[in-house]
Amino acid sequence: MNDNLIIIGASGHGKVVADIAIKMNNWKKIFFLDDNETIKKCMNFDVVGKICDAINYKSSSDFFIAIGNNKIRERVQTEFENNKLSIVSLIHPNSIIGKDVLIKSGTVVMAGVIINSSSEIGKGCILNTGATIDHDNFIDDFVHISPGVNIAGTVKIGKFTWLGIGSKVINNLNICSNCKIGAGAVVIKNVTESGTYIGVPARRLN
């Protein structure tokens, strides 16, 4: 653990991430990097440069990529990993994490999230406010789970998939990579083809 935390992305998502970092109380100072040079502060923290400047802070800082787009987040995190930068996960103190849960680097667990026992959460995931993930789930890398999502037990979610606000997934299902599950959709059978799914029950848009 380093003294400083540098958050990549001075956006609304970055603000929520910074708030979690404050509550964790693990770092003496928090800074931002963002490629928009007009942004000088975020949450009253200084924006000290662009994303390419991260390497200059390698020896003194931990890093978190607060970019909402799953594939851009993967690209940046992979670049940071290749350069041996220290990437941390952020877990809100008001989340509930069960026994034997694995959370990999670069993932954020926001306020009110519940992850029940024996689940695995991949790298660079966003588990947004109030989402619930039941037992024996596998969430692959760079998945975005929106506020209020409910995932039942023994579900597998593929890489880059995005679950919209308030969507639900019943137990013992697989959702493949590169899917978008619309707001309020209810997934009641395996999703084996990438695409956008909406409705109750969820159906693929042509």
Foldseek 3Di string as FASTA:
>chain_A
DAQEEEEEDQDPLSQQQVVLVVQVVPHNAYEYADPPVVDQDHPNHGHDYHLVCVLVCQVHYEYAYRDLQLVVLVVSVVVCVVVVGHFAEGEHPQEAEEPCEAEDGREYHGHQEYAYHQEYAEHNEYREANEYHYHQEYEYGSEYEYHQEYEYENEYEEGREYEEANEYEYPDEYEYPQAYEYHNEYDDHHHDDHAYWYDDPTDGDD
